[in-house]
Amino acid sequence: MSSSEATFDVKWLAPTYRPAPAEALDRIQQICTMQPDLFGAMWCVMATHQGVPNDILAAALKQFRRDAEVLSREDVAGLMVALTNGGRQGFDAVLRTRRNVPRSAATLPWSTD
């Protein structure tokens, strides 16, 4: 394949494309480095890696984004669902609850601890 063909090869953007883990991780790391905020990084990663399960994307985002380190993998996956269903407003609302609620209350809402 010539370099001009490689430049325009966008088959990896297709929703049905299943990239090799190393291939996806390299792109996700580049996206996370280029995007200044968690919302932008998460939005771009989800849009460009639709064939990768959300729990795997959540792990990758936690690995490459410092602002996601304090969140659990489940919290990051929840943010991805909020972003999908509620856009920026949904993302911000869920992020506020994840950062402000103690871990025990976030995992067991009926708990009195």
PDB file of N, CA and C in Angstrom:
ATOM      1  N   MET A   1       0.848  -1.167   0.000  1.00  0.00           N
ATOM      2  CA  MET A   1       0.000   0.000   0.000  1.00  0.00           C
ATOM      3  C   MET A   1       0.895   1.232   0.000  1.00  0.00           C
ATOM      4  N   SER A   2       0.589   2.164  -0.868  1.00  0.00           N
ATOM      5  CA  SER A   2       1.389   3.381  -0.947  1.00  0.00           C
ATOM      6  C   SER A   2       1.049   4.301   0.218  1.00  0.00           C
ATOM      7  N   SER A   3       1.904   5.285   0.451  1.00  0.00           N
ATOM      8  CA  SER A   3       1.666   6.204   1.571  1.00  0.00           C
ATOM      9  C   SER A   3       0.406   7.031   1.355  1.00  0.00           C
ATOM     10  N   SER A   4       0.081   7.354   0.106  1.00  0.00           N
ATOM     11  CA  SER A   4      -1.142   8.116  -0.143  1.00  0.00           C
ATOM     12  C   SER A   4      -2.381   7.274   0.144  1.00  0.00           C
ATOM     13  N   GLU A   5      -2.326   5.971  -0.147  1.00  0.00           N
ATOM     14  CA  GLU A   5      -3.444   5.091   0.183  1.00  0.00           C
ATOM     15  C   GLU A   5      -3.582   4.936   1.688  1.00  0.00           C
ATOM     16  N   ALA A   6      -2.463   4.834   2.396  1.00  0.00           N
ATOM     17  CA  ALA A   6      -2.493   4.694   3.845  1.00  0.00           C
ATOM     18  C   ALA A   6      -3.053   5.943   4.503  1.00  0.00           C
ATOM     19  N   THR A   7      -2.787   7.101   3.929  1.00  0.00           N
ATOM     20  CA  THR A   7      -3.280   8.359   4.476  1.00  0.00           C
ATOM     21  C   THR A   7      -4.795   8.413   4.464  1.00  0.00           C
ATOM     22  N   PHE A   8      -5.420   7.855   3.455  1.00  0.00           N
ATOM     23  CA  PHE A   8      -6.867   7.928   3.306  1.00  0.00           C
ATOM     24  C   PHE A   8      -7.586   6.659   3.754  1.00  0.00           C
ATOM     25  N   ASP A   9      -6.886   5.739   4.366  1.00  0.00           N
ATOM     26  CA  ASP A   9      -7.499   4.514   4.846  1.00  0.00           C
ATOM     27  C   ASP A   9      -8.237   4.805   6.160  1.00  0.00           C
ATOM     28  N   VAL A  10      -9.542   4.865   6.084  1.00  0.00           N
ATOM     29  CA  VAL A  10     -10.341   5.185   7.264  1.00  0.00           C
ATOM     30  C   VAL A  10     -11.275   4.031   7.661  1.00  0.00           C
ATOM     31  N   LYS A  11     -10.970   2.837   7.238  1.00  0.00           N
ATOM     32  CA  LYS A  11     -11.824   1.701   7.582  1.00  0.00           C
ATOM     33  C   LYS A  11     -11.927   1.507   9.094  1.00  0.00           C
ATOM     34  N   TRP A  12     -10.924   1.957   9.842  1.00  0.00           N
ATOM     35  CA  TRP A  12     -10.942   1.803  11.296  1.00  0.00           C
ATOM     36  C   TRP A  12     -12.004   2.674  11.968  1.00  0.00           C
ATOM     37  N   LEU A  13     -12.599   3.615  11.224  1.00  0.00           N
ATOM     38  CA  LEU A  13     -13.661   4.452  11.774  1.00  0.00           C
ATOM     39  C   LEU A  13     -15.035   3.801  11.697  1.00  0.00           C
ATOM     40  N   ALA A  14     -15.158   2.743  10.952  1.00  0.00           N
ATOM     41  CA  ALA A  14     -16.455   2.083  10.784  1.00  0.00           C
ATOM     42  C   ALA A  14     -16.935   1.492  12.109  1.00  0.00           C
ATOM     43  N   PRO A  15     -18.222   1.607  12.420  1.00  0.00           N
ATOM     44  CA  PRO A  15     -18.754   1.088  13.684  1.00  0.00           C
ATOM     45  C   PRO A  15     -18.545  -0.411  13.862  1.00  0.00           C
ATOM     46  N   THR A  16     -18.418  -1.144  12.775  1.00  0.00           N
ATOM     47  CA  THR A  16     -18.250  -2.598  12.874  1.00  0.00           C
ATOM     48  C   THR A  16     -16.789  -3.028  12.942  1.00  0.00           C
ATOM     49  N   TYR A  17     -15.862  -2.096  12.800  1.00  0.00           N
ATOM     50  CA  TYR A  17     -14.436  -2.443  12.791  1.00  0.00           C
ATOM     51  C   TYR A  17     -13.978  -2.824  14.196  1.00  0.00           C
ATOM     52  N   ARG A  18     -13.289  -3.933  14.303  1.00  0.00           N
ATOM     53  CA  ARG A  18     -12.755  -4.422  15.579  1.00  0.00           C
ATOM     54  C   ARG A  18     -11.231  -4.354  15.522  1.00  0.00           C
ATOM     55  N   PRO A  19     -10.632  -3.284  16.059  1.00  0.00           N
ATOM     56  CA  PRO A  19      -9.181  -3.146  15.969  1.00  0.00           C
ATOM     57  C   PRO A  19      -8.460  -4.091  16.913  1.00  0.00           C
ATOM     58  N   ALA A  20      -7.215  -4.378  16.580  1.00  0.00           N
ATOM     59  CA  ALA A  20      -6.357  -5.121  17.495  1.00  0.00           C
ATOM     60  C   ALA A  20      -6.122  -4.235  18.712  1.00  0.00           C
ATOM     61  N   PRO A  21      -5.989  -4.805  19.903  1.00  0.00           N
ATOM     62  CA  PRO A  21      -5.812  -3.988  21.107  1.00  0.00           C
ATOM     63  C   PRO A  21      -4.674  -2.969  21.013  1.00  0.00           C
ATOM     64  N   ALA A  22      -3.533  -3.375  20.493  1.00  0.00           N
ATOM     65  CA  ALA A  22      -2.400  -2.443  20.393  1.00  0.00           C
ATOM     66  C   ALA A  22      -2.715  -1.282  19.460  1.00  0.00           C
ATOM     67  N   GLU A  23      -3.415  -1.574  18.393  1.00  0.00           N
ATOM     68  CA  GLU A  23      -3.798  -0.544  17.423  1.00  0.00           C
ATOM     69  C   GLU A  23      -4.748   0.467  18.062  1.00  0.00           C
ATOM     70  N   ALA A  24      -5.752  -0.033  18.763  1.00  0.00           N
ATOM     71  CA  ALA A  24      -6.721   0.851  19.415  1.00  0.00           C
ATOM     72  C   ALA A  24      -6.058   1.665  20.515  1.00  0.00           C
ATOM     73  N   LEU A  25      -5.230   1.030  21.332  1.00  0.00           N
ATOM     74  CA  LEU A  25      -4.573   1.743  22.431  1.00  0.00           C
ATOM     75  C   LEU A  25      -3.686   2.873  21.934  1.00  0.00           C
ATOM     76  N   ASP A  26      -3.001   2.650  20.835  1.00  0.00           N
ATOM     77  CA  ASP A  26      -2.146   3.700  20.279  1.00  0.00           C
ATOM     78  C   ASP A  26      -2.981   4.905  19.864  1.00  0.00           C
ATOM     79  N   ARG A  27      -4.080   4.670  19.178  1.00  0.00           N
ATOM     80  CA  ARG A  27      -4.942   5.775  18.754  1.00  0.00           C
ATOM     81  C   ARG A  27      -5.602   6.465  19.941  1.00  0.00           C
ATOM     82  N   ILE A  28      -6.057   5.690  20.908  1.00  0.00           N
ATOM     83  CA  ILE A  28      -6.706   6.267  22.091  1.00  0.00           C
ATOM     84  C   ILE A  28      -5.714   7.132  22.862  1.00  0.00           C
ATOM     85  N   GLN A  29      -4.493   6.678  22.977  1.00  0.00           N
ATOM     86  CA  GLN A  29      -3.474   7.480  23.661  1.00  0.00           C
ATOM     87  C   GLN A  29      -3.232   8.800  22.924  1.00  0.00           C
ATOM     88  N   GLN A  30      -3.170   8.750  21.610  1.00  0.00           N
ATOM     89  CA  GLN A  30      -2.983   9.975  20.828  1.00  0.00           C
ATOM     90  C   GLN A  30      -4.165  10.926  21.013  1.00  0.00           C
ATOM     91  N   ILE A  31      -5.368  10.400  20.989  1.00  0.00           N
ATOM     92  CA  ILE A  31      -6.554  11.235  21.184  1.00  0.00           C
ATOM     93  C   ILE A  31      -6.531  11.867  22.574  1.00  0.00           C
ATOM     94  N   CYS A  32      -6.218  11.074  23.594  1.00  0.00           N
ATOM     95  CA  CYS A  32      -6.184  11.585  24.967  1.00  0.00           C
ATOM     96  C   CYS A  32      -5.121  12.664  25.139  1.00  0.00           C
ATOM     97  N   THR A  33      -4.036  12.554  24.424  1.00  0.00           N
ATOM     98  CA  THR A  33      -2.971  13.553  24.491  1.00  0.00           C
ATOM     99  C   THR A  33      -3.387  14.842  23.794  1.00  0.00           C
ATOM    100  N   MET A  34      -4.107  14.729  22.702  1.00  0.00           N
ATOM    101  CA  MET A  34      -4.494  15.896  21.907  1.00  0.00           C
ATOM    102  C   MET A  34      -5.662  16.668  22.513  1.00  0.00           C
ATOM    103  N   GLN A  35      -6.544  16.008  23.225  1.00  0.00           N
ATOM    104  CA  GLN A  35      -7.744  16.667  23.752  1.00  0.00           C
ATOM    105  C   GLN A  35      -7.456  17.280  25.123  1.00  0.00           C
ATOM    106  N   PRO A  36      -7.820  18.544  25.327  1.00  0.00           N
ATOM    107  CA  PRO A  36      -7.491  19.210  26.582  1.00  0.00           C
ATOM    108  C   PRO A  36      -8.367  18.809  27.771  1.00  0.00           C
ATOM    109  N   ASP A  37      -9.574  18.307  27.532  1.00  0.00           N
ATOM    110  CA  ASP A  37     -10.446  17.966  28.652  1.00  0.00           C
ATOM    111  C   ASP A  37     -10.983  16.543  28.510  1.00  0.00           C
ATOM    112  N   LEU A  38     -11.481  16.021  29.616  1.00  0.00           N
ATOM    113  CA  LEU A  38     -11.981  14.646  29.642  1.00  0.00           C
ATOM    114  C   LEU A  38     -13.168  14.469  28.706  1.00  0.00           C
ATOM    115  N   PHE A  39     -14.074  15.434  28.684  1.00  0.00           N
ATOM    116  CA  PHE A  39     -15.243  15.332  27.811  1.00  0.00           C
ATOM    117  C   PHE A  39     -14.809  15.180  26.354  1.00  0.00           C
ATOM    118  N   GLY A  40     -13.928  16.046  25.882  1.00  0.00           N
ATOM    119  CA  GLY A  40     -13.474  15.991  24.492  1.00  0.00           C
ATOM    120  C   GLY A  40     -12.775  14.689  24.167  1.00  0.00           C
ATOM    121  N   ALA A  41     -11.925  14.233  25.079  1.00  0.00           N
ATOM    122  CA  ALA A  41     -11.211  12.977  24.866  1.00  0.00           C
ATOM    123  C   ALA A  41     -12.189  11.808  24.801  1.00  0.00           C
ATOM    124  N   MET A  42     -13.121  11.792  25.748  1.00  0.00           N
ATOM    125  CA  MET A  42     -14.077  10.695  25.793  1.00  0.00           C
ATOM    126  C   MET A  42     -14.970  10.700  24.548  1.00  0.00           C
ATOM    127  N   TRP A  43     -15.415  11.863  24.151  1.00  0.00           N
ATOM    128  CA  TRP A  43     -16.276  11.981  22.981  1.00  0.00           C
ATOM    129  C   TRP A  43     -15.555  11.485  21.730  1.00  0.00           C
ATOM    130  N   CYS A  44     -14.316  11.904  21.541  1.00  0.00           N
ATOM    131  CA  CYS A  44     -13.547  11.490  20.359  1.00  0.00           C
ATOM    132  C   CYS A  44     -13.249   9.993  20.374  1.00  0.00           C
ATOM    133  N   VAL A  45     -12.885   9.476  21.534  1.00  0.00           N
ATOM    134  CA  VAL A  45     -12.581   8.045  21.644  1.00  0.00           C
ATOM    135  C   VAL A  45     -13.828   7.221  21.332  1.00  0.00           C
ATOM    136  N   MET A  46     -14.960   7.624  21.884  1.00  0.00           N
ATOM    137  CA  MET A  46     -16.192   6.875  21.633  1.00  0.00           C
ATOM    138  C   MET A  46     -16.607   6.957  20.171  1.00  0.00           C
ATOM    139  N   ALA A  47     -16.424   8.121  19.554  1.00  0.00           N
ATOM    140  CA  ALA A  47     -16.821   8.298  18.157  1.00  0.00           C
ATOM    141  C   ALA A  47     -15.930   7.515  17.205  1.00  0.00           C
ATOM    142  N   THR A  48     -14.674   7.378  17.529  1.00  0.00           N
ATOM    143  CA  THR A  48     -13.737   6.723  16.613  1.00  0.00           C
ATOM    144  C   THR A  48     -13.503   5.253  16.920  1.00  0.00           C
ATOM    145  N   HIS A  49     -14.018   4.755  18.033  1.00  0.00           N
ATOM    146  CA  HIS A  49     -13.806   3.354  18.406  1.00  0.00           C
ATOM    147  C   HIS A  49     -15.126   2.700  18.798  1.00  0.00           C
ATOM    148  N   GLN A  50     -16.112   2.831  17.923  1.00  0.00           N
ATOM    149  CA  GLN A  50     -17.442   2.320  18.207  1.00  0.00           C
ATOM    150  C   GLN A  50     -17.488   0.803  18.311  1.00  0.00           C
ATOM    151  N   GLY A  51     -16.536   0.117  17.701  1.00  0.00           N
ATOM    152  CA  GLY A  51     -16.519  -1.340  17.732  1.00  0.00           C
ATOM    153  C   GLY A  51     -15.878  -1.916  18.980  1.00  0.00           C
ATOM    154  N   VAL A  52     -15.376  -1.053  19.859  1.00  0.00           N
ATOM    155  CA  VAL A  52     -14.724  -1.508  21.090  1.00  0.00           C
ATOM    156  C   VAL A  52     -15.719  -1.381  22.240  1.00  0.00           C
ATOM    157  N   PRO A  53     -15.873  -2.414  23.059  1.00  0.00           N
ATOM    158  CA  PRO A  53     -16.824  -2.343  24.181  1.00  0.00           C
ATOM    159  C   PRO A  53     -16.495  -1.191  25.143  1.00  0.00           C
ATOM    160  N   ASN A  54     -17.533  -0.609  25.735  1.00  0.00           N
ATOM    161  CA  ASN A  54     -17.358   0.531  26.629  1.00  0.00           C
ATOM    162  C   ASN A  54     -16.448   0.249  27.820  1.00  0.00           C
ATOM    163  N   ASP A  55     -16.511  -0.960  28.376  1.00  0.00           N
ATOM    164  CA  ASP A  55     -15.655  -1.237  29.533  1.00  0.00           C
ATOM    165  C   ASP A  55     -14.174  -1.230  29.154  1.00  0.00           C
ATOM    166  N   ILE A  56     -13.859  -1.630  27.936  1.00  0.00           N
ATOM    167  CA  ILE A  56     -12.476  -1.587  27.463  1.00  0.00           C
ATOM    168  C   ILE A  56     -12.060  -0.135  27.209  1.00  0.00           C
ATOM    169  N   LEU A  57     -12.950   0.653  26.608  1.00  0.00           N
ATOM    170  CA  LEU A  57     -12.652   2.074  26.398  1.00  0.00           C
ATOM    171  C   LEU A  57     -12.468   2.788  27.727  1.00  0.00           C
ATOM    172  N   ALA A  58     -13.271   2.429  28.720  1.00  0.00           N
ATOM    173  CA  ALA A  58     -13.152   3.052  30.042  1.00  0.00           C
ATOM    174  C   ALA A  58     -11.783   2.768  30.645  1.00  0.00           C
ATOM    175  N   ALA A  59     -11.305   1.541  30.509  1.00  0.00           N
ATOM    176  CA  ALA A  59      -9.988   1.195  31.042  1.00  0.00           C
ATOM    177  C   ALA A  59      -8.888   1.981  30.327  1.00  0.00           C
ATOM    178  N   ALA A  60      -9.018   2.113  29.026  1.00  0.00           N
ATOM    179  CA  ALA A  60      -8.019   2.857  28.256  1.00  0.00           C
ATOM    180  C   ALA A  60      -8.036   4.342  28.626  1.00  0.00           C
ATOM    181  N   LEU A  61      -9.222   4.906  28.783  1.00  0.00           N
ATOM    182  CA  LEU A  61      -9.318   6.312  29.170  1.00  0.00           C
ATOM    183  C   LEU A  61      -8.703   6.542  30.548  1.00  0.00           C
ATOM    184  N   LYS A  62      -8.955   5.638  31.471  1.00  0.00           N
ATOM    185  CA  LYS A  62      -8.346   5.760  32.797  1.00  0.00           C
ATOM    186  C   LYS A  62      -6.822   5.694  32.707  1.00  0.00           C
ATOM    187  N   GLN A  63      -6.329   4.889  31.803  1.00  0.00           N
ATOM    188  CA  GLN A  63      -4.882   4.721  31.651  1.00  0.00           C
ATOM    189  C   GLN A  63      -4.215   5.976  31.091  1.00  0.00           C
ATOM    190  N   PHE A  64      -4.870   6.678  30.184  1.00  0.00           N
ATOM    191  CA  PHE A  64      -4.236   7.786  29.474  1.00  0.00           C
ATOM    192  C   PHE A  64      -4.697   9.173  29.902  1.00  0.00           C
ATOM    193  N   ARG A  65      -5.706   9.272  30.749  1.00  0.00           N
ATOM    194  CA  ARG A  65      -6.192  10.582  31.191  1.00  0.00           C
ATOM    195  C   ARG A  65      -5.997  10.739  32.688  1.00  0.00           C
ATOM    196  N   ARG A  66      -5.193  11.712  33.073  1.00  0.00           N
ATOM    197  CA  ARG A  66      -4.966  11.970  34.496  1.00  0.00           C
ATOM    198  C   ARG A  66      -6.259  12.372  35.207  1.00  0.00           C
ATOM    199  N   ASP A  67      -7.130  13.106  34.526  1.00  0.00           N
ATOM    200  CA  ASP A  67      -8.364  13.550  35.150  1.00  0.00           C
ATOM    201  C   ASP A  67      -9.387  12.425  35.318  1.00  0.00           C
ATOM    202  N   ALA A  68      -9.086  11.234  34.831  1.00  0.00           N
ATOM    203  CA  ALA A  68      -9.969  10.082  35.025  1.00  0.00           C
ATOM    204  C   ALA A  68      -9.406   9.105  36.054  1.00  0.00           C
ATOM    205  N   GLU A  69      -8.200   9.357  36.546  1.00  0.00           N
ATOM    206  CA  GLU A  69      -7.570   8.447  37.497  1.00  0.00           C
ATOM    207  C   GLU A  69      -8.367   8.303  38.791  1.00  0.00           C
ATOM    208  N   VAL A  70      -8.997   9.398  39.257  1.00  0.00           N
ATOM    209  CA  VAL A  70      -9.725   9.365  40.526  1.00  0.00           C
ATOM    210  C   VAL A  70     -11.061   8.637  40.406  1.00  0.00           C
ATOM    211  N   LEU A  71     -11.508   8.399  39.186  1.00  0.00           N
ATOM    212  CA  LEU A  71     -12.779   7.724  38.945  1.00  0.00           C
ATOM    213  C   LEU A  71     -12.559   6.225  38.802  1.00  0.00           C
ATOM    214  N   SER A  72     -13.547   5.449  39.197  1.00  0.00           N
ATOM    215  CA  SER A  72     -13.466   4.005  38.975  1.00  0.00           C
ATOM    216  C   SER A  72     -13.745   3.709  37.506  1.00  0.00           C
ATOM    217  N   ARG A  73     -13.439   2.507  37.108  1.00  0.00           N
ATOM    218  CA  ARG A  73     -13.717   2.088  35.731  1.00  0.00           C
ATOM    219  C   ARG A  73     -15.221   2.143  35.451  1.00  0.00           C
ATOM    220  N   GLU A  74     -16.015   1.761  36.452  1.00  0.00           N
ATOM    221  CA  GLU A  74     -17.467   1.811  36.308  1.00  0.00           C
ATOM    222  C   GLU A  74     -17.952   3.256  36.174  1.00  0.00           C
ATOM    223  N   ASP A  75     -17.313   4.174  36.909  1.00  0.00           N
ATOM    224  CA  ASP A  75     -17.677   5.584  36.799  1.00  0.00           C
ATOM    225  C   ASP A  75     -17.398   6.119  35.395  1.00  0.00           C
ATOM    226  N   VAL A  76     -16.256   5.745  34.838  1.00  0.00           N
ATOM    227  CA  VAL A  76     -15.905   6.201  33.485  1.00  0.00           C
ATOM    228  C   VAL A  76     -16.891   5.611  32.475  1.00  0.00           C
ATOM    229  N   ALA A  77     -17.233   4.346  32.645  1.00  0.00           N
ATOM    230  CA  ALA A  77     -18.224   3.732  31.751  1.00  0.00           C
ATOM    231  C   ALA A  77     -19.581   4.428  31.901  1.00  0.00           C
ATOM    232  N   GLY A  78     -19.934   4.813  33.128  1.00  0.00           N
ATOM    233  CA  GLY A  78     -21.174   5.551  33.355  1.00  0.00           C
ATOM    234  C   GLY A  78     -21.154   6.920  32.694  1.00  0.00           C
ATOM    235  N   LEU A  79     -19.995   7.571  32.716  1.00  0.00           N
ATOM    236  CA  LEU A  79     -19.849   8.856  32.032  1.00  0.00           C
ATOM    237  C   LEU A  79     -20.037   8.692  30.528  1.00  0.00           C
ATOM    238  N   MET A  80     -19.564   7.585  29.996  1.00  0.00           N
ATOM    239  CA  MET A  80     -19.718   7.335  28.567  1.00  0.00           C
ATOM    240  C   MET A  80     -21.202   7.160  28.217  1.00  0.00           C
ATOM    241  N   VAL A  81     -21.938   6.473  29.058  1.00  0.00           N
ATOM    242  CA  VAL A  81     -23.380   6.313  28.835  1.00  0.00           C
ATOM    243  C   VAL A  81     -24.071   7.668  28.951  1.00  0.00           C
ATOM    244  N   ALA A  82     -23.681   8.457  29.952  1.00  0.00           N
ATOM    245  CA  ALA A  82     -24.275   9.784  30.127  1.00  0.00           C
ATOM    246  C   ALA A  82     -23.982  10.675  28.931  1.00  0.00           C
ATOM    247  N   LEU A  83     -22.778  10.588  28.408  1.00  0.00           N
ATOM    248  CA  LEU A  83     -22.407  11.385  27.234  1.00  0.00           C
ATOM    249  C   LEU A  83     -23.236  10.960  26.028  1.00  0.00           C
ATOM    250  N   THR A  84     -23.414   9.677  25.861  1.00  0.00           N
ATOM    251  CA  THR A  84     -24.198   9.167  24.737  1.00  0.00           C
ATOM    252  C   THR A  84     -25.658   9.610  24.829  1.00  0.00           C
ATOM    253  N   ASN A  85     -26.225   9.525  26.023  1.00  0.00           N
ATOM    254  CA  ASN A  85     -27.652   9.813  26.187  1.00  0.00           C
ATOM    255  C   ASN A  85     -27.969  11.280  26.452  1.00  0.00           C
ATOM    256  N   GLY A  86     -27.043  11.991  27.099  1.00  0.00           N
ATOM    257  CA  GLY A  86     -27.356  13.357  27.494  1.00  0.00           C
ATOM    258  C   GLY A  86     -26.395  14.416  27.017  1.00  0.00           C
ATOM    259  N   GLY A  87     -25.445  14.047  26.165  1.00  0.00           N
ATOM    260  CA  GLY A  87     -24.485  15.019  25.647  1.00  0.00           C
ATOM    261  C   GLY A  87     -23.665  15.651  26.757  1.00  0.00           C
ATOM    262  N   ARG A  88     -23.276  16.881  26.554  1.00  0.00           N
ATOM    263  CA  ARG A  88     -22.419  17.579  27.516  1.00  0.00           C
ATOM    264  C   ARG A  88     -23.122  17.764  28.859  1.00  0.00           C
ATOM    265  N   GLN A  89     -24.414  18.076  28.841  1.00  0.00           N
ATOM    266  CA  GLN A  89     -25.138  18.278  30.091  1.00  0.00           C
ATOM    267  C   GLN A  89     -25.223  16.994  30.907  1.00  0.00           C
ATOM    268  N   GLY A  90     -25.508  15.884  30.257  1.00  0.00           N
ATOM    269  CA  GLY A  90     -25.557  14.600  30.950  1.00  0.00           C
ATOM    270  C   GLY A  90     -24.210  14.209  31.509  1.00  0.00           C
ATOM    271  N   PHE A  91     -23.160  14.422  30.723  1.00  0.00           N
ATOM    272  CA  PHE A  91     -21.799  14.121  31.146  1.00  0.00           C
ATOM    273  C   PHE A  91     -21.445  14.937  32.392  1.00  0.00           C
ATOM    274  N   ASP A  92     -21.700  16.256  32.340  1.00  0.00           N
ATOM    275  CA  ASP A  92     -21.371  17.133  33.468  1.00  0.00           C
ATOM    276  C   ASP A  92     -22.142  16.759  34.725  1.00  0.00           C
ATOM    277  N   ALA A  93     -23.418  16.423  34.574  1.00  0.00           N
ATOM    278  CA  ALA A  93     -24.234  16.049  35.732  1.00  0.00           C
ATOM    279  C   ALA A  93     -23.706  14.783  36.397  1.00  0.00           C
ATOM    280  N   VAL A  94     -23.389  13.775  35.619  1.00  0.00           N
ATOM    281  CA  VAL A  94     -22.877  12.524  36.184  1.00  0.00           C
ATOM    282  C   VAL A  94     -21.489  12.744  36.766  1.00  0.00           C
ATOM    283  N   LEU A  95     -20.650  13.515  36.107  1.00  0.00           N
ATOM    284  CA  LEU A  95     -19.309  13.780  36.623  1.00  0.00           C
ATOM    285  C   LEU A  95     -19.381  14.480  37.982  1.00  0.00           C
ATOM    286  N   ARG A  96     -20.285  15.426  38.138  1.00  0.00           N
ATOM    287  CA  ARG A  96     -20.437  16.116  39.432  1.00  0.00           C
ATOM    288  C   ARG A  96     -20.810  15.131  40.525  1.00  0.00           C
ATOM    289  N   THR A  97     -21.708  14.213  40.241  1.00  0.00           N
ATOM    290  CA  THR A  97     -22.120  13.257  41.273  1.00  0.00           C
ATOM    291  C   THR A  97     -21.004  12.282  41.603  1.00  0.00           C
ATOM    292  N   ARG A  98     -20.215  11.911  40.619  1.00  0.00           N
ATOM    293  CA  ARG A  98     -19.123  10.959  40.864  1.00  0.00           C
ATOM    294  C   ARG A  98     -17.997  11.576  41.675  1.00  0.00           C
ATOM    295  N   ARG A  99     -17.753  12.847  41.509  1.00  0.00           N
ATOM    296  CA  ARG A  99     -16.658  13.503  42.224  1.00  0.00           C
ATOM    297  C   ARG A  99     -17.060  13.941  43.628  1.00  0.00           C
ATOM    298  N   ASN A 100     -18.350  14.176  43.864  1.00  0.00           N
ATOM    299  CA  ASN A 100     -18.780  14.739  45.138  1.00  0.00           C
ATOM    300  C   ASN A 100     -19.327  13.718  46.123  1.00  0.00           C
ATOM    301  N   VAL A 101     -19.625  12.529  45.677  1.00  0.00           N
ATOM    302  CA  VAL A 101     -20.227  11.529  46.545  1.00  0.00           C
ATOM    303  C   VAL A 101     -19.149  10.580  47.050  1.00  0.00           C
ATOM    304  N   PRO A 102     -19.107  10.313  48.343  1.00  0.00           N
ATOM    305  CA  PRO A 102     -18.137   9.333  48.844  1.00  0.00           C
ATOM    306  C   PRO A 102     -18.349   7.983  48.174  1.00  0.00           C
ATOM    307  N   ARG A 103     -17.303   7.233  48.005  1.00  0.00           N
ATOM    308  CA  ARG A 103     -17.343   5.974  47.271  1.00  0.00           C
ATOM    309  C   ARG A 103     -18.401   5.023  47.823  1.00  0.00           C
ATOM    310  N   SER A 104     -18.541   4.877  49.136  1.00  0.00           N
ATOM    311  CA  SER A 104     -19.515   3.932  49.682  1.00  0.00           C
ATOM    312  C   SER A 104     -20.938   4.329  49.305  1.00  0.00           C
ATOM    313  N   ALA A 105     -21.244   5.616  49.322  1.00  0.00           N
ATOM    314  CA  ALA A 105     -22.583   6.069  48.952  1.00  0.00           C
ATOM    315  C   ALA A 105     -22.811   5.931  47.449  1.00  0.00           C
ATOM    316  N   ALA A 106     -21.752   6.071  46.652  1.00  0.00           N
ATOM    317  CA  ALA A 106     -21.916   5.952  45.213  1.00  0.00           C
ATOM    318  C   ALA A 106     -22.181   4.520  44.791  1.00  0.00           C
ATOM    319  N   THR A 107     -21.612   3.566  45.514  1.00  0.00           N
ATOM    320  CA  THR A 107     -21.815   2.169  45.127  1.00  0.00           C
ATOM    321  C   THR A 107     -23.038   1.558  45.810  1.00  0.00           C
ATOM    322  N   LEU A 108     -23.391   2.051  46.982  1.00  0.00           N
ATOM    323  CA  LEU A 108     -24.553   1.558  47.696  1.00  0.00           C
ATOM    324  C   LEU A 108     -25.430   2.749  48.106  1.00  0.00           C
ATOM    325  N   PRO A 109     -26.278   3.218  47.201  1.00  0.00           N
ATOM    326  CA  PRO A 109     -27.047   4.426  47.485  1.00  0.00           C
ATOM    327  C   PRO A 109     -27.966   4.316  48.699  1.00  0.00           C
ATOM    328  N   TRP A 110     -28.348   3.125  49.108  1.00  0.00           N
ATOM    329  CA  TRP A 110     -29.239   2.966  50.249  1.00  0.00           C
ATOM    330  C   TRP A 110     -28.459   2.887  51.555  1.00  0.00           C
ATOM    331  N   SER A 111     -27.125   2.905  51.458  1.00  0.00           N
ATOM    332  CA  SER A 111     -26.276   2.811  52.646  1.00  0.00           C
ATOM    333  C   SER A 111     -26.346   4.091  53.470  1.00  0.00           C
ATOM    334  N   THR A 112     -26.242   3.970  54.791  1.00  0.00           N
ATOM    335  CA  THR A 112     -26.245   5.148  55.658  1.00  0.00           C
ATOM    336  C   THR A 112     -24.845   5.534  56.072  1.00  0.00           C
ATOM    337  N   ASP A 113     -23.832   4.818  55.589  1.00  0.00           N
ATOM    338  CA  ASP A 113     -22.439   5.134  55.936  1.00  0.00           C
ATOM    339  C   ASP A 113     -21.977   6.392  55.280  1.00  0.00           C
TER     340      ASP A 113
END
